[in-house]
Amino acid sequence: MYWVENLIIFKTMWPFYLLIVLWVLFGLIALIVPKKARLIYEKMVASSALCKIWGVFALVMGYFMWVGALLIKIPLVAQILAVIAVIKGIVLIVSPLKILTKINLALKMNDLTFRIVGAIALVISYLVYSLL
């Protein structure tokens, strides 16, 4: 019966594990090869169709993080992350491509700043992992 309880917990906690893995991957790539990471990021959010897909993904992740929030040590943190994900999903779905292009232009940064963002992503992923 113990493995059944662990399976049920994993089924509701998978958004947190996926979020941690994505943050770790982004952080490591941003630290090691910031120019390639920036190009990958720009390609992922450059077209309108991809932005809509990322928006739906963010909405789904936000919903499942809200559902699984009560299973972690500090549920308020998970609920805040869920609300941020839902807001991001709505913005990506509703915003026209012109506004998203302006947001991407604001994210043009030098390599050092991009590496700092990668290090911050690694720290945040560790903090979220420590809450599980």
N, C-alpha and C. Protein backbone atom coordinates (compact mmCIF):
# COMPACT_ATOMS: atom_id res chain seq x y z
N MET A 1 0.80 -1.19 0.00
CA MET A 1 0.00 0.00 0.00
C MET A 1 0.85 1.27 0.00
N TYR A 2 2.07 1.16 0.49
CA TYR A 2 2.94 2.33 0.57
C TYR A 2 3.25 2.88 -0.82
N TRP A 3 3.49 1.99 -1.79
CA TRP A 3 3.82 2.44 -3.13
C TRP A 3 2.63 3.11 -3.81
N VAL A 4 1.41 2.70 -3.42
CA VAL A 4 0.22 3.33 -3.99
C VAL A 4 0.11 4.78 -3.50
N GLU A 5 0.39 5.00 -2.21
CA GLU A 5 0.37 6.35 -1.67
C GLU A 5 1.43 7.22 -2.35
N ASN A 6 2.63 6.67 -2.57
CA ASN A 6 3.68 7.42 -3.24
C ASN A 6 3.30 7.73 -4.68
N LEU A 7 2.62 6.80 -5.35
CA LEU A 7 2.19 7.04 -6.72
C LEU A 7 1.15 8.15 -6.78
N ILE A 8 0.23 8.17 -5.83
CA ILE A 8 -0.78 9.22 -5.79
C ILE A 8 -0.13 10.58 -5.53
N ILE A 9 0.82 10.62 -4.62
CA ILE A 9 1.52 11.87 -4.34
C ILE A 9 2.29 12.33 -5.57
N PHE A 10 2.96 11.39 -6.28
CA PHE A 10 3.71 11.78 -7.48
C PHE A 10 2.77 12.30 -8.57
N LYS A 11 1.59 11.72 -8.68
CA LYS A 11 0.66 12.17 -9.71
C LYS A 11 0.24 13.61 -9.50
N THR A 12 0.20 14.07 -8.27
CA THR A 12 -0.17 15.46 -8.03
C THR A 12 1.05 16.37 -7.92
N MET A 13 2.22 15.80 -7.78
CA MET A 13 3.43 16.61 -7.62
C MET A 13 4.24 16.75 -8.91
N TRP A 14 3.84 16.10 -10.00
CA TRP A 14 4.64 16.13 -11.21
C TRP A 14 4.87 17.54 -11.76
N PRO A 15 3.95 18.50 -11.62
CA PRO A 15 4.27 19.83 -12.15
C PRO A 15 5.48 20.46 -11.46
N PHE A 16 5.62 20.20 -10.17
CA PHE A 16 6.76 20.77 -9.44
C PHE A 16 8.07 20.15 -9.92
N TYR A 17 8.07 18.82 -10.12
CA TYR A 17 9.27 18.16 -10.61
C TYR A 17 9.61 18.63 -12.02
N LEU A 18 8.61 18.78 -12.87
CA LEU A 18 8.86 19.27 -14.22
C LEU A 18 9.39 20.70 -14.20
N LEU A 19 8.82 21.54 -13.36
CA LEU A 19 9.28 22.91 -13.22
C LEU A 19 10.73 22.96 -12.76
N ILE A 20 11.08 22.13 -11.80
CA ILE A 20 12.45 22.08 -11.30
C ILE A 20 13.41 21.64 -12.40
N VAL A 21 13.03 20.61 -13.14
CA VAL A 21 13.91 20.12 -14.21
C VAL A 21 14.10 21.21 -15.28
N LEU A 22 13.01 21.88 -15.66
CA LEU A 22 13.13 22.94 -16.67
C LEU A 22 14.00 24.09 -16.18
N TRP A 23 13.83 24.49 -14.92
CA TRP A 23 14.65 25.56 -14.37
C TRP A 23 16.12 25.17 -14.31
N VAL A 24 16.39 23.92 -13.92
CA VAL A 24 17.78 23.45 -13.85
C VAL A 24 18.39 23.42 -15.25
N LEU A 25 17.65 22.91 -16.22
CA LEU A 25 18.16 22.88 -17.60
C LEU A 25 18.44 24.28 -18.12
N PHE A 26 17.48 25.19 -17.91
CA PHE A 26 17.68 26.56 -18.36
C PHE A 26 18.88 27.19 -17.65
N GLY A 27 18.99 26.99 -16.35
CA GLY A 27 20.08 27.57 -15.59
C GLY A 27 21.44 27.06 -16.03
N LEU A 28 21.54 25.74 -16.24
CA LEU A 28 22.82 25.18 -16.66
C LEU A 28 23.20 25.63 -18.06
N ILE A 29 22.22 25.63 -18.97
CA ILE A 29 22.52 26.07 -20.33
C ILE A 29 22.90 27.55 -20.35
N ALA A 30 22.19 28.35 -19.55
CA ALA A 30 22.50 29.78 -19.50
C ALA A 30 23.87 30.04 -18.89
N LEU A 31 24.28 29.21 -17.95
CA LEU A 31 25.61 29.39 -17.35
C LEU A 31 26.72 28.93 -18.26
N ILE A 32 26.51 27.82 -18.96
CA ILE A 32 27.58 27.24 -19.76
C ILE A 32 27.71 27.93 -21.12
N VAL A 33 26.61 28.04 -21.84
CA VAL A 33 26.64 28.65 -23.18
C VAL A 33 25.53 29.70 -23.30
N PRO A 34 25.77 30.90 -22.79
CA PRO A 34 24.69 31.90 -22.77
C PRO A 34 24.22 32.36 -24.15
N LYS A 35 25.13 32.40 -25.14
CA LYS A 35 24.72 32.85 -26.48
C LYS A 35 23.76 31.86 -27.12
N LYS A 36 24.07 30.58 -27.02
CA LYS A 36 23.17 29.56 -27.57
C LYS A 36 21.86 29.52 -26.80
N ALA A 37 21.93 29.68 -25.49
CA ALA A 37 20.71 29.67 -24.68
C ALA A 37 19.80 30.82 -25.07
N ARG A 38 20.37 31.98 -25.32
CA ARG A 38 19.57 33.13 -25.72
C ARG A 38 18.92 32.87 -27.08
N LEU A 39 19.66 32.27 -28.01
CA LEU A 39 19.09 31.94 -29.33
C LEU A 39 17.96 30.93 -29.21
N ILE A 40 18.14 29.93 -28.36
CA ILE A 40 17.08 28.93 -28.14
C ILE A 40 15.86 29.61 -27.55
N TYR A 41 16.07 30.46 -26.57
CA TYR A 41 14.95 31.15 -25.94
C TYR A 41 14.20 32.03 -26.95
N GLU A 42 14.95 32.74 -27.77
CA GLU A 42 14.31 33.62 -28.75
C GLU A 42 13.52 32.81 -29.78
N LYS A 43 14.02 31.65 -30.18
CA LYS A 43 13.28 30.81 -31.13
C LYS A 43 12.02 30.24 -30.50
N MET A 44 12.07 29.95 -29.21
CA MET A 44 10.92 29.35 -28.54
C MET A 44 9.77 30.34 -28.39
N VAL A 45 10.06 31.61 -28.28
CA VAL A 45 8.99 32.59 -28.07
C VAL A 45 8.86 33.58 -29.22
N ALA A 46 9.48 33.27 -30.36
CA ALA A 46 9.48 34.23 -31.46
C ALA A 46 8.15 34.25 -32.21
N SER A 47 7.56 33.11 -32.47
CA SER A 47 6.35 33.10 -33.29
C SER A 47 5.11 33.13 -32.42
N SER A 48 4.04 33.58 -33.01
CA SER A 48 2.78 33.71 -32.29
C SER A 48 2.22 32.34 -31.89
N ALA A 49 2.36 31.35 -32.79
CA ALA A 49 1.82 30.02 -32.50
C ALA A 49 2.55 29.38 -31.31
N LEU A 50 3.86 29.53 -31.26
CA LEU A 50 4.61 28.97 -30.14
C LEU A 50 4.25 29.67 -28.83
N CYS A 51 4.00 30.97 -28.89
CA CYS A 51 3.60 31.69 -27.68
C CYS A 51 2.26 31.17 -27.16
N LYS A 52 1.36 30.87 -28.06
CA LYS A 52 0.05 30.33 -27.65
C LYS A 52 0.22 28.95 -27.02
N ILE A 53 1.11 28.13 -27.59
CA ILE A 53 1.36 26.80 -27.02
C ILE A 53 1.97 26.92 -25.63
N TRP A 54 2.96 27.83 -25.47
CA TRP A 54 3.56 28.05 -24.16
C TRP A 54 2.55 28.61 -23.17
N GLY A 55 1.60 29.41 -23.66
CA GLY A 55 0.55 29.94 -22.80
C GLY A 55 -0.36 28.84 -22.28
N VAL A 56 -0.74 27.92 -23.15
CA VAL A 56 -1.57 26.79 -22.71
C VAL A 56 -0.78 25.91 -21.74
N PHE A 57 0.50 25.69 -22.03
CA PHE A 57 1.35 24.90 -21.13
C PHE A 57 1.43 25.56 -19.75
N ALA A 58 1.58 26.88 -19.71
CA ALA A 58 1.65 27.59 -18.44
C ALA A 58 0.32 27.50 -17.69
N LEU A 59 -0.79 27.59 -18.40
CA LEU A 59 -2.10 27.45 -17.74
C LEU A 59 -2.27 26.06 -17.13
N VAL A 60 -1.89 25.04 -17.87
CA VAL A 60 -2.02 23.66 -17.36
C VAL A 60 -1.11 23.46 -16.16
N MET A 61 0.13 23.94 -16.26
CA MET A 61 1.05 23.81 -15.12
C MET A 61 0.54 24.57 -13.91
N GLY A 62 0.01 25.77 -14.11
CA GLY A 62 -0.53 26.54 -13.00
C GLY A 62 -1.69 25.84 -12.32
N TYR A 63 -2.57 25.25 -13.11
CA TYR A 63 -3.70 24.50 -12.53
C TYR A 63 -3.22 23.32 -11.69
N PHE A 64 -2.31 22.52 -12.25
CA PHE A 64 -1.85 21.35 -11.52
C PHE A 64 -0.98 21.72 -10.33
N MET A 65 -0.27 22.84 -10.40
CA MET A 65 0.48 23.28 -9.23
C MET A 65 -0.48 23.73 -8.12
N TRP A 66 -1.58 24.35 -8.49
CA TRP A 66 -2.57 24.75 -7.50
C TRP A 66 -3.17 23.51 -6.83
N VAL A 67 -3.45 22.48 -7.62
CA VAL A 67 -4.02 21.25 -7.07
C VAL A 67 -3.04 20.56 -6.13
N GLY A 68 -1.76 20.54 -6.50
CA GLY A 68 -0.76 19.86 -5.69
C GLY A 68 -0.15 20.73 -4.59
N ALA A 69 -0.64 21.94 -4.43
CA ALA A 69 -0.02 22.88 -3.48
C ALA A 69 -0.13 22.40 -2.03
N LEU A 70 -1.19 21.71 -1.70
CA LEU A 70 -1.38 21.31 -0.31
C LEU A 70 -0.45 20.17 0.12
N LEU A 71 0.25 19.55 -0.82
CA LEU A 71 1.12 18.43 -0.48
C LEU A 71 2.55 18.84 -0.16
N ILE A 72 2.89 20.10 -0.34
CA ILE A 72 4.26 20.51 -0.03
C ILE A 72 4.31 21.19 1.33
N LYS A 73 5.51 21.47 1.79
CA LYS A 73 5.69 21.99 3.15
C LYS A 73 5.07 23.37 3.35
N ILE A 74 5.24 24.26 2.39
CA ILE A 74 4.69 25.61 2.49
C ILE A 74 3.77 25.81 1.29
N PRO A 75 2.47 25.57 1.45
CA PRO A 75 1.56 25.64 0.32
C PRO A 75 1.45 27.03 -0.31
N LEU A 76 1.69 28.07 0.46
CA LEU A 76 1.55 29.43 -0.07
C LEU A 76 2.53 29.68 -1.21
N VAL A 77 3.74 29.13 -1.11
CA VAL A 77 4.73 29.30 -2.17
C VAL A 77 4.24 28.65 -3.46
N ALA A 78 3.70 27.46 -3.34
CA ALA A 78 3.18 26.76 -4.53
C ALA A 78 1.99 27.50 -5.11
N GLN A 79 1.16 28.05 -4.27
CA GLN A 79 0.00 28.79 -4.77
C GLN A 79 0.44 30.07 -5.48
N ILE A 80 1.46 30.73 -4.97
CA ILE A 80 1.98 31.93 -5.64
C ILE A 80 2.57 31.56 -6.99
N LEU A 81 3.35 30.46 -7.05
CA LEU A 81 3.89 30.00 -8.32
C LEU A 81 2.77 29.62 -9.30
N ALA A 82 1.71 29.02 -8.79
CA ALA A 82 0.58 28.65 -9.64
C ALA A 82 -0.11 29.87 -10.21
N VAL A 83 -0.31 30.89 -9.38
CA VAL A 83 -0.96 32.12 -9.85
C VAL A 83 -0.08 32.81 -10.89
N ILE A 84 1.23 32.85 -10.65
CA ILE A 84 2.14 33.45 -11.62
C ILE A 84 2.09 32.69 -12.95
N ALA A 85 2.05 31.36 -12.88
CA ALA A 85 1.98 30.56 -14.11
C ALA A 85 0.68 30.82 -14.86
N VAL A 86 -0.43 30.93 -14.14
CA VAL A 86 -1.71 31.19 -14.80
C VAL A 86 -1.72 32.58 -15.44
N ILE A 87 -1.20 33.56 -14.72
CA ILE A 87 -1.14 34.92 -15.29
C ILE A 87 -0.24 34.94 -16.53
N LYS A 88 0.89 34.25 -16.46
CA LYS A 88 1.78 34.18 -17.62
C LYS A 88 1.08 33.50 -18.79
N GLY A 89 0.35 32.43 -18.52
CA GLY A 89 -0.37 31.74 -19.58
C GLY A 89 -1.41 32.62 -20.23
N ILE A 90 -2.15 33.35 -19.42
CA ILE A 90 -3.17 34.26 -19.96
C ILE A 90 -2.53 35.35 -20.80
N VAL A 91 -1.42 35.92 -20.31
CA VAL A 91 -0.73 36.98 -21.06
C VAL A 91 -0.21 36.44 -22.39
N LEU A 92 0.36 35.24 -22.39
CA LEU A 92 0.89 34.69 -23.63
C LEU A 92 -0.22 34.35 -24.62
N ILE A 93 -1.37 33.94 -24.14
CA ILE A 93 -2.47 33.60 -25.04
C ILE A 93 -3.16 34.85 -25.58
N VAL A 94 -3.38 35.84 -24.73
CA VAL A 94 -4.19 36.99 -25.10
C VAL A 94 -3.39 38.08 -25.80
N SER A 95 -2.12 38.25 -25.45
CA SER A 95 -1.33 39.36 -25.98
C SER A 95 -1.07 39.21 -27.47
N PRO A 96 -1.14 40.31 -28.20
CA PRO A 96 -0.78 40.25 -29.62
C PRO A 96 0.73 40.10 -29.79
N LEU A 97 1.14 39.69 -30.97
CA LEU A 97 2.55 39.42 -31.24
C LEU A 97 3.41 40.67 -31.09
N LYS A 98 2.84 41.85 -31.35
CA LYS A 98 3.60 43.10 -31.26
C LYS A 98 4.07 43.34 -29.81
N ILE A 99 3.20 43.08 -28.86
CA ILE A 99 3.58 43.26 -27.45
C ILE A 99 4.60 42.21 -27.03
N LEU A 100 4.42 40.98 -27.49
CA LEU A 100 5.39 39.93 -27.15
C LEU A 100 6.76 40.23 -27.76
N THR A 101 6.78 40.85 -28.93
CA THR A 101 8.06 41.24 -29.54
C THR A 101 8.74 42.31 -28.70
N LYS A 102 7.97 43.24 -28.16
CA LYS A 102 8.55 44.26 -27.28
C LYS A 102 9.11 43.64 -26.01
N ILE A 103 8.41 42.65 -25.48
CA ILE A 103 8.90 41.96 -24.28
C ILE A 103 10.22 41.26 -24.60
N ASN A 104 10.30 40.60 -25.76
CA ASN A 104 11.53 39.93 -26.15
C ASN A 104 12.68 40.91 -26.34
N LEU A 105 12.38 42.10 -26.88
CA LEU A 105 13.43 43.12 -27.02
C LEU A 105 13.93 43.58 -25.66
N ALA A 106 13.05 43.62 -24.67
CA ALA A 106 13.46 44.01 -23.33
C ALA A 106 14.36 42.96 -22.70
N LEU A 107 14.25 41.72 -23.16
CA LEU A 107 15.06 40.64 -22.60
C LEU A 107 16.42 40.50 -23.27
N LYS A 108 16.74 41.37 -24.20
CA LYS A 108 18.08 41.34 -24.80
C LYS A 108 19.07 41.81 -23.73
N MET A 109 19.95 40.93 -23.35
CA MET A 109 20.91 41.26 -22.29
C MET A 109 22.26 40.68 -22.65
N ASN A 110 23.28 41.19 -22.01
CA ASN A 110 24.61 40.69 -22.31
C ASN A 110 24.81 39.32 -21.65
N ASP A 111 25.95 38.70 -21.95
CA ASP A 111 26.20 37.34 -21.49
C ASP A 111 26.27 37.23 -19.97
N LEU A 112 26.89 38.20 -19.33
CA LEU A 112 27.02 38.16 -17.87
C LEU A 112 25.65 38.20 -17.20
N THR A 113 24.79 39.06 -17.68
CA THR A 113 23.45 39.16 -17.10
C THR A 113 22.67 37.87 -17.35
N PHE A 114 22.82 37.30 -18.53
CA PHE A 114 22.12 36.05 -18.84
C PHE A 114 22.64 34.93 -17.95
N ARG A 115 23.93 34.92 -17.65
CA ARG A 115 24.47 33.91 -16.73
C ARG A 115 23.95 34.11 -15.32
N ILE A 116 23.79 35.35 -14.91
CA ILE A 116 23.23 35.63 -13.59
C ILE A 116 21.79 35.13 -13.51
N VAL A 117 21.03 35.35 -14.58
CA VAL A 117 19.65 34.83 -14.63
C VAL A 117 19.66 33.31 -14.54
N GLY A 118 20.62 32.66 -15.20
CA GLY A 118 20.74 31.21 -15.11
C GLY A 118 21.06 30.74 -13.69
N ALA A 119 21.95 31.47 -13.01
CA ALA A 119 22.27 31.12 -11.62
C ALA A 119 21.05 31.32 -10.71
N ILE A 120 20.29 32.37 -10.96
CA ILE A 120 19.07 32.59 -10.18
C ILE A 120 18.07 31.46 -10.41
N ALA A 121 17.97 31.00 -11.67
CA ALA A 121 17.08 29.88 -11.97
C ALA A 121 17.51 28.62 -11.22
N LEU A 122 18.81 28.39 -11.12
CA LEU A 122 19.30 27.23 -10.36
C LEU A 122 18.97 27.35 -8.88
N VAL A 123 19.13 28.53 -8.32
CA VAL A 123 18.83 28.74 -6.90
C VAL A 123 17.34 28.55 -6.64
N ILE A 124 16.50 29.10 -7.51
CA ILE A 124 15.06 28.96 -7.32
C ILE A 124 14.65 27.50 -7.45
N SER A 125 15.25 26.77 -8.40
CA SER A 125 14.90 25.36 -8.53
C SER A 125 15.29 24.57 -7.29
N TYR A 126 16.43 24.90 -6.69
CA TYR A 126 16.81 24.24 -5.44
C TYR A 126 15.85 24.56 -4.31
N LEU A 127 15.43 25.82 -4.22
CA LEU A 127 14.50 26.22 -3.16
C LEU A 127 13.16 25.52 -3.32
N VAL A 128 12.66 25.42 -4.54
CA VAL A 128 11.40 24.72 -4.76
C VAL A 128 11.56 23.24 -4.45
N TYR A 129 12.69 22.65 -4.84
CA TYR A 129 12.93 21.24 -4.54
C TYR A 129 12.99 21.00 -3.04
N SER A 130 13.55 21.94 -2.30
CA SER A 130 13.64 21.76 -0.84
C SER A 130 12.27 21.85 -0.17
N LEU A 131 11.30 22.43 -0.87
CA LEU A 131 9.94 22.51 -0.30
C LEU A 131 9.14 21.22 -0.51
N LEU A 132 9.59 20.34 -1.40
CA LEU A 132 8.84 19.12 -1.69
C LEU A 132 8.96 18.10 -0.59
